Amino acid sequence: MSKNYRILDLLRRGRTPLENHLIDGLIDGRISRREFVRHGSLLGLSLPLLGRIGMAAGFGAAPSLARAGAPGATIRVGSSVPAAAIDPVTIADAGGLLVMQQVAEFLCVDGPDLVLRPALAESWSPNTDGTVWTFKLRKGVKFHSGGEMKADDVVASIDRLADPANSSNALSVFSGILQKGATKKVDDYTVEFHLDAPNGNFPYMVSSDNYNAVIIPASYKGGYEQSFDGTGPFKIEKYTPKVGASFVRNDDYWGEKALPDRTEFTFFTDIQPQILALQGGQIDIINQMPVLAGVAVLNDPNVEVISLKSSAHQQLHMHCDEGPTKDARVRRAIALCLDREKLAAGLMKGRAVLGNDSPFAAVYPSTDTSVPQRKQDIAQAKQLMEAAGAGKGFKMTLTTERYLEIPEYAQLIQNWVKEIGIELELNILDQSAYYGDAVFGKSNWLDSAMGITDYGHRGVPNVYLAAPLKSDGTWNAAHFKNKDYDQMAASYIAALDLEAQKATAGKIQKLLLEETPVIFGYFYDYLTATAKGVTGVQPTAMSQLFLEKASKG
């Protein structure tokens, strides 16, 4: 299709220089349509407007997602047992987050395509340098308890998460970005976020990407399991700790009413009973299914597997300040031992993409794909070991968690590094023993000289760039301290422009290949299994499950 410059000129009117630069990138071919829609949504441009610009730029109409399915079903879900009391401020486990998300909503939602869609906020926009973001709230939204959701509720909800005294898991997102008291009410339907520093990706920090950031009443004082008060399309019917939960349609919902009459959640302590329950017709959905444990389901004709590309991964950290891995040449040698194609095709059964030893996954539009992919090269690895004075090899302990396919991954690494004389002893712990208190000095994760840690999906790489890799990172298990890196990470996080993000991402990717404090071997797909005939199920790689359009055939 040809470009319609007259319509493009009309659509450009009133747009900011930043927005027009993004439109120029699409027209000139510097960025793809996918990148344009995703980054435009981040800047607060509406999806209909982005669609019109795309059409005028010669890309044709975006595919429409027609609503399908019959109303009235009861949708039955199998999930892990919530690990603690369900409280939006402190909840951190997949089972608890899944239950909370059925009733409570976010300002915006990060979909499987990483495009931000409006929810409780209708629109948002940055100031010129990205230090203040203004969100316009949707009017007429009611909590299940009856009151209207307004700016006071948003301010209180986010302040709770940003307050260090509350020990929220959201502090990993907000630390150094947003402090308590920096979320300000402009009027009943407008909120401003005043940030510590420029942040080009901030809307993701208050979206479903930050799973604690649901909006609940300003009056909340704890005891969420007694009310389950939210604004969502479903309301609580019954909750039984360690057993399950059920929800019913919210007929006062501000948006399109949910198709199912009811949803039921059954909690399981292990994946195998979930698989048997799905195959036996007792449940309709398994919220998250590991690849190795779910091999039988992947080939079952009565099961549909929803596979989402994600940034979830398992980081292999190595101490950069002591021991044999103090020398970057040794760390690079270990990285060169990995057969990444075999990891993706064999260990992960094709449900993963190769990692290149930085947080920049293929799903991110800002990833510089021109940086060469690291491949297995035993000869080069041996040369690096010799150059580092470690040609005779050494012994070391690899400490990790018993979770998903990590033990098998650790065994593969153990076998591969033998070829360059490294003898690894594996110390595989239960998750509670591995993470400990999750602070330095009291955590096998953070204190081990070499370890493998699971990192869940994020829609932008900010947390991965900061917490495990910056000199002052709260999760810097590698003890990696590099001033150039710190500067580059700060530049990336501050950038509002996609092309500026890409340019900095390339520099970061090259620096991390040189230093290799952490090995990113692969990024794995997030798998959800449904019984055949169940449609309209929308999982996210953050363990959320949107069921308002679900039905049974």
Protein backbone atom coordinates (compact mmCIF):
# COMPACT_ATOMS: atom_id res chain seq x y z
CA MET A 1 0.00 0.00 0.00
CA SER A 2 1.13 3.56 -0.71
CA LYS A 3 1.56 6.23 1.96
CA ASN A 4 -1.19 8.86 2.39
CA TYR A 5 0.76 11.96 3.41
CA ARG A 6 -2.35 14.17 3.67
CA ILE A 7 -3.86 11.91 6.35
CA LEU A 8 -0.46 11.52 8.02
CA ASP A 9 -0.15 15.31 8.27
CA LEU A 10 -3.61 15.49 9.89
CA LEU A 11 -2.75 12.74 12.36
CA ARG A 12 0.54 14.46 13.25
CA ARG A 13 -1.15 17.69 14.34
CA GLY A 14 -0.84 18.31 18.06
CA ARG A 15 1.59 15.44 18.54
CA THR A 16 4.78 16.01 20.56
CA PRO A 17 8.24 16.02 18.91
CA LEU A 18 8.89 12.62 20.54
CA GLU A 19 5.67 11.15 19.07
CA ASN A 20 6.41 12.61 15.63
CA HIS A 21 9.94 11.17 15.73
CA LEU A 22 8.41 7.73 16.32
CA ILE A 23 6.03 8.25 13.36
CA ASP A 24 9.02 9.30 11.20
CA GLY A 25 10.77 6.05 12.16
CA LEU A 26 7.81 4.01 10.87
CA ILE A 27 7.48 5.99 7.62
CA ASP A 28 11.24 5.86 6.92
CA GLY A 29 11.46 2.14 7.68
CA ARG A 30 13.88 2.56 10.61
CA ILE A 31 11.45 0.72 12.91
CA SER A 32 8.95 -2.03 12.22
CA ARG A 33 5.19 -1.82 12.63
CA ARG A 34 5.42 -4.11 15.67
CA GLU A 35 7.99 -1.80 17.29
CA PHE A 36 5.90 1.26 16.39
CA VAL A 37 2.71 -0.07 18.01
CA ARG A 38 4.49 -1.32 21.10
CA HIS A 39 6.50 1.88 21.70
CA GLY A 40 3.58 4.12 20.75
CA SER A 41 1.44 2.40 23.39
CA LEU A 42 4.20 3.07 25.93
CA LEU A 43 4.09 6.79 25.12
CA GLY A 44 0.32 6.74 25.67
CA LEU A 45 -0.88 6.86 22.06
CA SER A 46 -4.20 5.01 21.74
CA LEU A 47 -4.34 1.75 19.77
CA PRO A 48 -6.98 3.14 17.34
CA LEU A 49 -4.71 6.14 16.62
CA LEU A 50 -1.68 3.87 16.14
CA GLY A 51 -3.78 1.76 13.75
CA ARG A 52 -4.81 4.82 11.70
CA ILE A 53 -1.19 6.02 11.48
CA GLY A 54 -0.11 2.52 10.38
CA MET A 55 -2.74 2.47 7.63
CA ALA A 56 -1.80 5.95 6.42
CA ALA A 57 1.87 4.88 6.38
CA GLY A 58 0.96 2.06 3.99
CA PHE A 59 0.78 -0.92 6.31
CA GLY A 60 -2.90 -1.81 5.87
CA ALA A 61 -5.37 -2.45 8.67
CA ALA A 62 -4.27 -4.30 11.78
CA PRO A 63 -5.98 -7.68 12.26
CA SER A 64 -9.10 -7.34 14.40
CA LEU A 65 -9.75 -9.74 17.24
CA ALA A 66 -13.41 -10.67 17.00
CA ARG A 67 -15.16 -11.62 20.22
CA ALA A 68 -16.19 -15.24 19.98
CA GLY A 69 -17.67 -17.85 22.26
CA ALA A 70 -20.90 -18.43 24.10
CA PRO A 71 -21.67 -16.91 27.50
CA GLY A 72 -22.56 -18.78 30.67
CA ALA A 73 -19.74 -21.31 31.13
CA THR A 74 -18.00 -22.28 34.35
CA ILE A 75 -14.26 -22.18 33.66
CA ARG A 76 -12.15 -24.43 35.92
CA VAL A 77 -8.47 -23.63 36.49
CA GLY A 78 -5.64 -25.59 38.10
CA SER A 79 -2.89 -23.56 39.73
CA SER A 80 -0.18 -23.71 42.36
CA VAL A 81 -1.14 -23.19 46.00
CA PRO A 82 -0.80 -19.55 47.17
CA ALA A 83 2.31 -19.53 49.35
CA ALA A 84 1.10 -16.87 51.80
CA ALA A 85 -1.92 -14.78 52.75
CA ILE A 86 -3.22 -12.91 49.71
CA ASP A 87 -2.32 -9.26 50.19
CA PRO A 88 -1.76 -7.00 47.16
CA VAL A 89 1.09 -5.22 48.94
CA THR A 90 3.24 -8.26 49.75
CA ILE A 91 2.08 -11.12 47.52
CA ALA A 92 4.88 -12.52 45.34
CA ASP A 93 4.00 -16.10 44.34
CA ALA A 94 2.24 -17.21 41.15
CA GLY A 95 -0.71 -18.90 42.90
CA GLY A 96 -1.54 -15.88 45.04
CA LEU A 97 -1.09 -13.38 42.21
CA LEU A 98 -3.43 -15.38 39.99
CA VAL A 99 -6.24 -15.27 42.58
CA MET A 100 -5.75 -11.56 43.33
CA GLN A 101 -5.74 -10.63 39.65
CA GLN A 102 -9.20 -12.15 39.11
CA VAL A 103 -10.78 -9.33 41.17
CA ALA A 104 -8.30 -6.42 41.09
CA GLU A 105 -7.10 -4.41 38.09
CA PHE A 106 -4.14 -2.33 36.95
CA LEU A 107 -3.89 1.14 35.42
CA CYS A 108 -2.86 -0.55 32.17
CA VAL A 109 -2.24 -4.11 30.99
CA ASP A 110 0.89 -5.45 29.31
CA GLY A 111 -0.31 -8.07 26.81
CA PRO A 112 1.58 -11.03 25.34
CA ASP A 113 2.73 -8.74 22.51
CA LEU A 114 4.19 -6.30 25.13
CA VAL A 115 1.74 -3.63 23.91
CA LEU A 116 0.27 -1.60 26.77
CA ARG A 117 -3.52 -1.34 26.76
CA PRO A 118 -5.61 1.04 28.88
CA ALA A 119 -7.48 -0.42 31.86
CA LEU A 120 -8.23 1.79 34.88
CA ALA A 121 -6.26 4.58 33.17
CA GLU A 122 -7.59 5.82 29.83
CA SER A 123 -4.36 7.51 28.74
CA TRP A 124 -0.90 8.60 29.91
CA SER A 125 1.93 10.82 28.70
CA PRO A 126 5.42 11.93 29.80
CA ASN A 127 6.80 15.44 30.21
CA THR A 128 9.68 16.38 27.89
CA ASP A 129 12.41 14.53 29.82
CA GLY A 130 10.41 11.60 31.22
CA THR A 131 10.67 12.67 34.88
CA VAL A 132 6.89 13.20 35.27
CA TRP A 133 4.21 10.92 33.82
CA THR A 134 0.56 12.00 33.88
CA PHE A 135 -2.21 9.39 33.90
CA LYS A 136 -5.86 10.15 33.14
CA LEU A 137 -8.22 7.81 34.99
CA ARG A 138 -11.36 6.18 33.68
CA LYS A 139 -14.58 7.67 35.11
CA GLY A 140 -17.44 5.64 36.56
CA VAL A 141 -15.36 2.66 37.72
CA LYS A 142 -16.79 1.06 40.87
CA PHE A 143 -15.17 -1.12 43.47
CA HIS A 144 -17.04 -4.30 44.33
CA SER A 145 -17.77 -2.68 47.71
CA GLY A 146 -19.63 0.12 45.91
CA GLY A 147 -17.48 3.26 45.96
CA GLU A 148 -16.09 4.90 42.80
CA MET A 149 -12.40 4.48 42.06
CA LYS A 150 -10.68 7.88 41.98
CA ALA A 151 -7.23 9.44 42.19
CA ASP A 152 -7.06 9.07 45.99
CA ASP A 153 -7.26 5.28 45.58
CA VAL A 154 -4.46 5.27 42.99
CA VAL A 155 -2.21 7.47 45.14
CA ALA A 156 -2.77 5.31 48.22
CA SER A 157 -2.29 2.03 46.32
CA ILE A 158 1.04 3.05 44.77
CA ASP A 159 2.30 4.79 47.93
CA ARG A 160 1.79 1.55 49.87
CA LEU A 161 4.01 -0.29 47.39
CA ALA A 162 6.70 2.42 47.32
CA ASP A 163 6.94 2.62 51.12
CA PRO A 164 10.01 0.59 52.25
CA ALA A 165 8.28 -0.03 55.61
CA ASN A 166 5.75 -2.32 53.84
CA SER A 167 8.40 -4.65 52.35
CA SER A 168 6.48 -4.98 49.10
CA ASN A 169 7.92 -7.08 46.29
CA ALA A 170 7.20 -3.99 44.11
CA LEU A 171 10.20 -2.25 45.71
CA SER A 172 12.37 -4.18 43.23
CA VAL A 173 10.60 -2.09 40.57
CA PHE A 174 10.17 1.24 42.38
CA SER A 175 13.52 1.56 44.24
CA GLY A 176 15.42 4.50 42.76
CA ILE A 177 12.47 5.30 40.48
CA LEU A 178 9.43 6.29 42.55
CA GLN A 179 9.32 7.16 46.24
CA LYS A 180 6.45 7.21 48.68
CA GLY A 181 4.78 10.63 48.38
CA ALA A 182 5.83 11.12 44.74
CA THR A 183 2.45 9.94 43.38
CA LYS A 184 0.31 13.07 43.35
CA LYS A 185 -3.39 13.73 42.82
CA VAL A 186 -4.08 16.55 40.32
CA ASP A 187 -7.86 16.13 40.41
CA ASP A 188 -10.25 13.19 40.97
CA TYR A 189 -9.36 11.66 37.59
CA THR A 190 -5.72 12.75 37.07
CA VAL A 191 -2.59 11.44 38.78
CA GLU A 192 1.04 12.51 38.30
CA PHE A 193 4.05 10.32 39.05
CA HIS A 194 7.13 12.41 39.93
CA LEU A 195 10.14 10.16 39.35
CA ASP A 196 13.61 10.20 40.93
CA ALA A 197 15.18 10.23 37.44
CA PRO A 198 14.05 10.17 33.79
CA ASN A 199 12.43 6.86 32.85
CA GLY A 200 11.34 6.05 29.32
CA ASN A 201 9.56 2.80 30.24
CA PHE A 202 7.70 3.99 33.35
CA PRO A 203 4.11 2.99 32.36
CA TYR A 204 5.22 -0.66 32.57
CA MET A 205 6.07 -0.05 36.25
CA VAL A 206 2.38 0.61 37.04
CA SER A 207 0.96 -1.96 34.62
CA SER A 208 0.26 -5.69 35.02
CA ASP A 209 4.03 -6.05 34.46
CA ASN A 210 4.43 -4.98 38.11
CA TYR A 211 2.10 -7.61 39.53
CA ASN A 212 1.57 -5.90 42.91
CA ALA A 213 0.36 -2.65 41.31
CA VAL A 214 -3.39 -3.36 41.44
CA ILE A 215 -5.61 -0.47 42.52
CA ILE A 216 -7.55 -1.07 45.73
CA PRO A 217 -9.50 1.36 47.96
CA ALA A 218 -7.54 4.11 49.73
CA SER A 219 -9.11 2.91 52.99
CA TYR A 220 -7.39 -0.52 52.79
CA LYS A 221 -5.76 -1.50 56.08
CA GLY A 222 -5.00 -5.21 55.47
CA GLY A 223 -6.99 -8.44 55.61
CA TYR A 224 -7.55 -8.62 51.86
CA GLU A 225 -8.84 -12.20 52.03
CA GLN A 226 -11.88 -10.94 53.96
CA SER A 227 -13.03 -8.63 51.13
CA PHE A 228 -11.19 -9.31 47.84
CA ASP A 229 -12.31 -5.78 46.97
CA GLY A 230 -11.38 -4.69 43.47
CA THR A 231 -12.77 -3.28 40.22
CA GLY A 232 -12.47 -6.37 38.01
CA PRO A 233 -14.92 -8.31 35.83
CA PHE A 234 -15.24 -11.06 38.48
CA LYS A 235 -16.17 -10.90 42.18
CA ILE A 236 -15.19 -13.35 44.89
CA GLU A 237 -17.72 -16.08 45.69
CA LYS A 238 -15.63 -18.25 48.02
CA TYR A 239 -12.00 -18.56 49.05
CA THR A 240 -10.62 -21.52 51.02
CA PRO A 241 -6.89 -21.25 51.81
CA LYS A 242 -4.78 -24.17 50.45
CA VAL A 243 -7.86 -25.57 48.65
CA GLY A 244 -9.32 -23.22 46.06
CA ALA A 245 -11.42 -20.21 45.11
CA SER A 246 -14.47 -19.39 43.01
CA PHE A 247 -15.64 -16.16 41.39
CA VAL A 248 -18.83 -14.90 39.73
CA ARG A 249 -19.43 -12.36 36.99
CA ASN A 250 -19.46 -8.70 38.14
CA ASP A 251 -22.58 -7.27 36.48
CA ASP A 252 -21.59 -3.72 37.54
CA TYR A 253 -18.28 -3.94 35.67
CA TRP A 254 -17.21 -0.73 33.88
CA GLY A 255 -16.27 -2.56 30.65
CA GLU A 256 -17.62 -5.39 28.56
CA LYS A 257 -19.25 -7.93 30.86
CA ALA A 258 -17.45 -11.26 31.33
CA LEU A 259 -18.68 -14.23 29.28
CA PRO A 260 -18.36 -16.92 32.00
CA ASP A 261 -20.92 -17.07 34.79
CA ARG A 262 -18.35 -18.50 37.17
CA THR A 263 -14.69 -19.41 37.44
CA GLU A 264 -13.28 -22.03 39.78
CA PHE A 265 -9.65 -22.38 40.89
CA THR A 266 -8.28 -25.59 42.40
CA PHE A 267 -4.89 -25.43 44.11
CA PHE A 268 -2.29 -28.17 43.54
CA THR A 269 1.08 -28.74 45.20
CA ASP A 270 2.58 -30.38 42.10
CA ILE A 271 2.21 -30.29 38.32
CA GLN A 272 1.53 -34.00 37.70
CA PRO A 273 -1.87 -34.06 39.49
CA GLN A 274 -2.82 -30.96 37.43
CA ILE A 275 -1.98 -32.80 34.20
CA LEU A 276 -4.06 -35.80 35.29
CA ALA A 277 -6.96 -33.50 36.26
CA LEU A 278 -6.83 -31.78 32.83
CA GLN A 279 -6.68 -35.08 30.95
CA GLY A 280 -9.45 -36.52 33.16
CA GLY A 281 -11.80 -33.57 32.57
CA GLN A 282 -11.79 -32.22 36.14
CA ILE A 283 -10.22 -28.87 35.12
CA ASP A 284 -10.20 -26.87 31.88
CA ILE A 285 -6.92 -24.95 32.23
CA ILE A 286 -3.43 -25.40 33.71
CA ASN A 287 -2.19 -21.88 34.31
CA GLN A 288 1.53 -22.62 33.88
CA MET A 289 3.08 -25.82 32.61
CA PRO A 290 6.84 -26.54 32.68
CA VAL A 291 8.24 -28.05 29.49
CA LEU A 292 9.86 -31.20 30.87
CA ALA A 293 7.03 -32.13 33.23
CA GLY A 294 4.46 -31.43 30.52
CA VAL A 295 5.92 -33.44 27.62
CA ALA A 296 2.91 -35.81 27.59
CA VAL A 297 0.52 -32.86 27.33
CA LEU A 298 2.45 -31.20 24.49
CA ASN A 299 1.52 -34.14 22.24
CA ASP A 300 -2.02 -34.79 23.55
CA PRO A 301 -4.62 -34.18 20.78
CA ASN A 302 -7.24 -33.28 23.43
CA VAL A 303 -5.14 -30.44 24.82
CA GLU A 304 -4.34 -27.04 23.32
CA VAL A 305 -1.07 -25.43 24.44
CA ILE A 306 -0.87 -21.62 24.43
CA SER A 307 2.82 -20.76 24.00
CA LEU A 308 3.89 -17.17 24.74
CA LYS A 309 7.34 -15.86 23.80
CA SER A 310 8.74 -14.27 26.94
CA SER A 311 11.80 -12.75 28.60
CA ALA A 312 11.73 -15.35 31.41
CA HIS A 313 15.11 -16.97 31.88
CA GLN A 314 17.51 -18.67 34.26
CA GLN A 315 20.57 -16.58 35.08
CA LEU A 316 23.91 -18.29 35.76
CA HIS A 317 25.89 -15.83 37.88
CA MET A 318 29.63 -16.02 38.64
CA HIS A 319 31.55 -14.02 41.26
CA CYS A 320 33.52 -11.28 39.50
CA ASP A 321 35.58 -10.19 42.54
CA GLU A 322 37.04 -13.43 43.93
CA GLY A 323 37.86 -17.04 43.15
CA PRO A 324 38.65 -18.56 39.73
CA THR A 325 35.84 -16.61 38.00
CA LYS A 326 37.39 -13.27 39.03
CA ASP A 327 39.06 -13.23 35.58
CA ALA A 328 36.61 -12.28 32.80
CA ARG A 329 38.45 -14.68 30.44
CA VAL A 330 37.43 -17.61 32.64
CA ARG A 331 33.83 -16.43 32.68
CA ARG A 332 33.83 -16.11 28.87
CA ALA A 333 35.36 -19.60 28.60
CA ILE A 334 32.54 -21.08 30.67
CA ALA A 335 29.97 -19.25 28.48
CA LEU A 336 31.62 -20.68 25.35
CA CYS A 337 31.10 -24.24 26.64
CA LEU A 338 27.30 -24.01 26.38
CA ASP A 339 25.59 -25.53 23.34
CA ARG A 340 22.67 -23.10 23.21
CA GLU A 341 20.98 -24.69 20.21
CA LYS A 342 20.90 -27.98 22.14
CA LEU A 343 19.45 -26.17 25.17
CA ALA A 344 16.60 -24.67 23.14
CA ALA A 345 15.84 -27.73 21.00
CA GLY A 346 16.59 -30.51 23.49
CA LEU A 347 16.16 -29.38 27.09
CA MET A 348 13.32 -26.97 26.22
CA LYS A 349 11.76 -29.04 23.37
CA GLY A 350 11.87 -26.03 21.03
CA ARG A 351 9.95 -23.84 23.50
CA ALA A 352 12.78 -21.33 24.02
CA VAL A 353 15.01 -18.93 22.08
CA LEU A 354 18.78 -18.53 22.42
CA GLY A 355 20.19 -16.14 25.00
CA ASN A 356 23.26 -14.02 24.25
CA ASP A 357 24.49 -13.30 27.79
CA SER A 358 22.57 -10.08 28.30
CA PRO A 359 18.99 -9.36 29.44
CA PHE A 360 18.05 -8.24 25.93
CA ALA A 361 15.68 -11.00 24.82
CA ALA A 362 14.37 -11.34 21.27
CA VAL A 363 10.91 -10.16 22.41
CA TYR A 364 12.19 -6.64 23.20
CA PRO A 365 11.97 -4.10 20.35
CA SER A 366 15.04 -2.30 21.76
CA THR A 367 17.30 -5.39 21.45
CA ASP A 368 20.15 -4.84 18.96
CA THR A 369 19.89 -7.92 16.76
CA SER A 370 23.12 -7.04 14.89
CA VAL A 371 25.24 -8.16 17.87
CA PRO A 372 26.61 -11.63 16.93
CA GLN A 373 25.17 -14.62 18.78
CA ARG A 374 27.66 -16.41 21.07
CA LYS A 375 28.06 -20.07 20.08
CA GLN A 376 29.77 -23.11 21.58
CA ASP A 377 33.54 -22.96 20.89
CA ILE A 378 35.55 -25.36 23.10
CA ALA A 379 38.88 -24.56 21.36
CA GLN A 380 38.52 -20.84 22.06
CA ALA A 381 37.39 -21.61 25.62
CA LYS A 382 40.59 -23.63 26.23
CA GLN A 383 42.72 -20.77 24.85
CA LEU A 384 41.02 -18.31 27.24
CA MET A 385 41.62 -20.66 30.20
CA GLU A 386 45.33 -20.89 29.30
CA ALA A 387 45.62 -17.11 28.89
CA ALA A 388 44.03 -16.64 32.32
CA GLY A 389 46.51 -19.06 33.93
CA ALA A 390 43.74 -21.61 34.56
CA GLY A 391 44.67 -24.12 31.88
CA LYS A 392 44.74 -27.00 34.37
CA GLY A 393 41.18 -26.28 35.42
CA PHE A 394 39.74 -26.02 38.92
CA LYS A 395 36.97 -27.24 41.20
CA MET A 396 33.92 -25.15 42.04
CA THR A 397 30.41 -25.54 43.47
CA LEU A 398 27.32 -24.57 41.47
CA THR A 399 24.41 -23.84 43.82
CA THR A 400 20.85 -23.67 42.53
CA GLU A 401 17.13 -24.25 43.12
CA ARG A 402 14.91 -27.26 42.42
CA TYR A 403 12.52 -25.50 40.03
CA LEU A 404 11.29 -26.11 36.47
CA GLU A 405 14.13 -27.59 34.38
CA ILE A 406 16.98 -25.91 36.34
CA PRO A 407 18.47 -29.17 37.82
CA GLU A 408 18.76 -30.65 34.30
CA TYR A 409 20.26 -27.36 33.03
CA ALA A 410 22.86 -27.50 35.83
CA GLN A 411 23.79 -31.09 34.88
CA LEU A 412 24.31 -30.07 31.24
CA ILE A 413 26.60 -27.21 32.29
CA GLN A 414 28.49 -29.59 34.60
CA ASN A 415 29.15 -31.93 31.65
CA TRP A 416 30.06 -29.17 29.18
CA VAL A 417 32.66 -27.42 31.40
CA LYS A 418 34.47 -30.73 32.04
CA GLU A 419 35.89 -30.27 28.52
CA ILE A 420 37.94 -27.29 29.74
CA GLY A 421 39.01 -28.91 33.02
CA ILE A 422 36.39 -27.42 35.35
CA GLU A 423 34.95 -29.84 37.88
CA LEU A 424 31.59 -28.59 39.12
CA GLU A 425 29.92 -29.97 42.21
CA LEU A 426 26.16 -29.41 42.13
CA ASN A 427 24.34 -28.18 45.24
CA ILE A 428 20.62 -28.30 44.35
CA LEU A 429 18.36 -26.92 47.08
CA ASP A 430 14.65 -26.49 47.68
CA GLN A 431 13.54 -22.97 46.78
CA SER A 432 13.12 -21.80 50.37
CA ALA A 433 16.66 -22.92 51.25
CA TYR A 434 18.09 -21.42 48.04
CA TYR A 435 16.57 -17.95 48.42
CA GLY A 436 16.85 -17.79 52.23
CA ASP A 437 16.13 -14.25 53.42
CA ALA A 438 16.98 -12.88 49.92
CA VAL A 439 19.55 -10.47 51.36
CA PHE A 440 23.35 -10.66 51.17
CA GLY A 441 24.82 -12.76 53.98
CA LYS A 442 21.60 -14.73 54.48
CA SER A 443 20.91 -16.25 51.07
CA ASN A 444 22.47 -19.15 49.14
CA TRP A 445 21.24 -17.36 45.99
CA LEU A 446 23.07 -14.08 46.66
CA ASP A 447 26.09 -15.57 48.46
CA SER A 448 27.01 -18.47 46.15
CA ALA A 449 30.15 -18.09 44.02
CA MET A 450 28.21 -19.62 41.11
CA GLY A 451 24.45 -20.12 40.97
CA ILE A 452 21.44 -20.47 38.68
CA THR A 453 18.34 -18.39 39.48
CA ASP A 454 14.96 -18.24 37.77
CA TYR A 455 13.82 -14.77 36.67
CA GLY A 456 10.20 -14.35 35.61
CA HIS A 457 9.04 -12.43 32.55
CA ARG A 458 9.07 -8.61 32.38
CA GLY A 459 7.71 -6.48 29.54
CA VAL A 460 10.79 -4.21 29.62
CA PRO A 461 14.35 -5.12 30.69
CA ASN A 462 14.73 -2.39 33.34
CA VAL A 463 14.61 -4.65 36.41
CA TYR A 464 17.03 -7.16 34.82
CA LEU A 465 19.44 -4.34 33.91
CA ALA A 466 19.44 -2.87 37.40
CA ALA A 467 18.85 -5.40 40.22
CA PRO A 468 21.31 -8.20 39.21
CA LEU A 469 23.88 -6.13 37.25
CA LYS A 470 24.29 -2.57 38.54
CA SER A 471 27.06 -2.00 41.11
CA ASP A 472 24.48 -1.24 43.79
CA GLY A 473 21.91 -3.78 42.50
CA THR A 474 19.78 -5.41 45.20
CA TRP A 475 20.22 -8.83 43.52
CA ASN A 476 23.82 -8.50 42.30
CA ALA A 477 24.84 -12.09 43.10
CA ALA A 478 27.74 -11.84 40.60
CA HIS A 479 29.35 -8.96 42.58
CA PHE A 480 29.67 -7.19 39.21
CA LYS A 481 30.86 -3.60 39.56
CA ASN A 482 31.48 -1.66 36.36
CA LYS A 483 31.08 2.12 36.11
CA ASP A 484 30.70 2.07 32.31
CA TYR A 485 27.91 -0.47 32.63
CA ASP A 486 26.16 1.56 35.35
CA GLN A 487 26.22 4.63 33.09
CA MET A 488 24.89 2.72 30.09
CA ALA A 489 22.08 1.13 32.10
CA ALA A 490 21.07 4.56 33.45
CA SER A 491 21.09 5.97 29.88
CA TYR A 492 18.93 3.13 28.58
CA ILE A 493 16.42 3.47 31.42
CA ALA A 494 16.20 7.27 30.90
CA ALA A 495 15.69 7.14 27.11
CA LEU A 496 12.20 8.00 25.86
CA ASP A 497 13.05 7.38 22.21
CA LEU A 498 13.10 3.81 20.81
CA GLU A 499 16.10 4.42 18.56
CA ALA A 500 18.08 5.88 21.48
CA GLN A 501 17.16 2.80 23.53
CA LYS A 502 18.38 0.52 20.71
CA ALA A 503 21.71 2.35 20.39
CA THR A 504 22.41 2.01 24.12
CA ALA A 505 21.17 -1.60 24.19
CA GLY A 506 23.81 -2.53 21.58
CA LYS A 507 26.60 -1.04 23.73
CA ILE A 508 25.31 -2.89 26.81
CA GLN A 509 25.08 -6.19 24.92
CA LYS A 510 28.71 -5.89 23.72
CA LEU A 511 30.02 -4.91 27.16
CA LEU A 512 28.25 -7.85 28.83
CA LEU A 513 29.62 -10.29 26.23
CA GLU A 514 33.11 -9.02 27.11
CA GLU A 515 32.62 -9.16 30.89
CA THR A 516 30.12 -12.09 31.16
CA PRO A 517 29.15 -11.67 34.84
CA VAL A 518 25.96 -13.60 34.09
CA ILE A 519 25.23 -16.24 31.44
CA PHE A 520 21.80 -15.96 29.80
CA GLY A 521 21.59 -19.31 28.01
CA TYR A 522 17.98 -19.14 26.80
CA PHE A 523 14.67 -17.30 27.24
CA TYR A 524 11.84 -19.77 27.71
CA ASP A 525 8.26 -19.70 26.47
CA TYR A 526 5.43 -19.42 28.97
CA LEU A 527 3.07 -22.38 28.46
CA THR A 528 -0.61 -22.59 29.42
CA ALA A 529 -2.59 -25.75 28.67
CA THR A 530 -6.35 -25.80 27.96
CA ALA A 531 -8.80 -28.59 27.21
CA LYS A 532 -9.85 -28.72 23.56
CA GLY A 533 -12.89 -26.51 22.94
CA VAL A 534 -12.00 -23.95 25.62
CA THR A 535 -11.47 -20.61 23.85
CA GLY A 536 -10.83 -16.97 24.70
CA VAL A 537 -8.29 -17.72 27.45
CA GLN A 538 -5.62 -15.01 27.67
CA PRO A 539 -2.60 -15.80 29.84
CA THR A 540 0.39 -13.53 30.32
CA ALA A 541 3.95 -14.65 30.95
CA MET A 542 3.65 -13.02 34.41
CA SER A 543 1.38 -15.93 35.56
CA GLN A 544 -1.78 -13.85 35.09
CA LEU A 545 -4.88 -15.31 33.45
CA PHE A 546 -7.57 -13.11 31.92
CA LEU A 547 -10.78 -15.14 31.64
CA GLU A 548 -13.46 -12.56 30.84
CA LYS A 549 -13.67 -13.76 27.20
CA ALA A 550 -13.34 -17.47 27.96
CA SER A 551 -15.96 -19.96 26.84
CA LYS A 552 -16.44 -23.66 26.17
CA GLY A 553 -17.34 -25.06 22.79
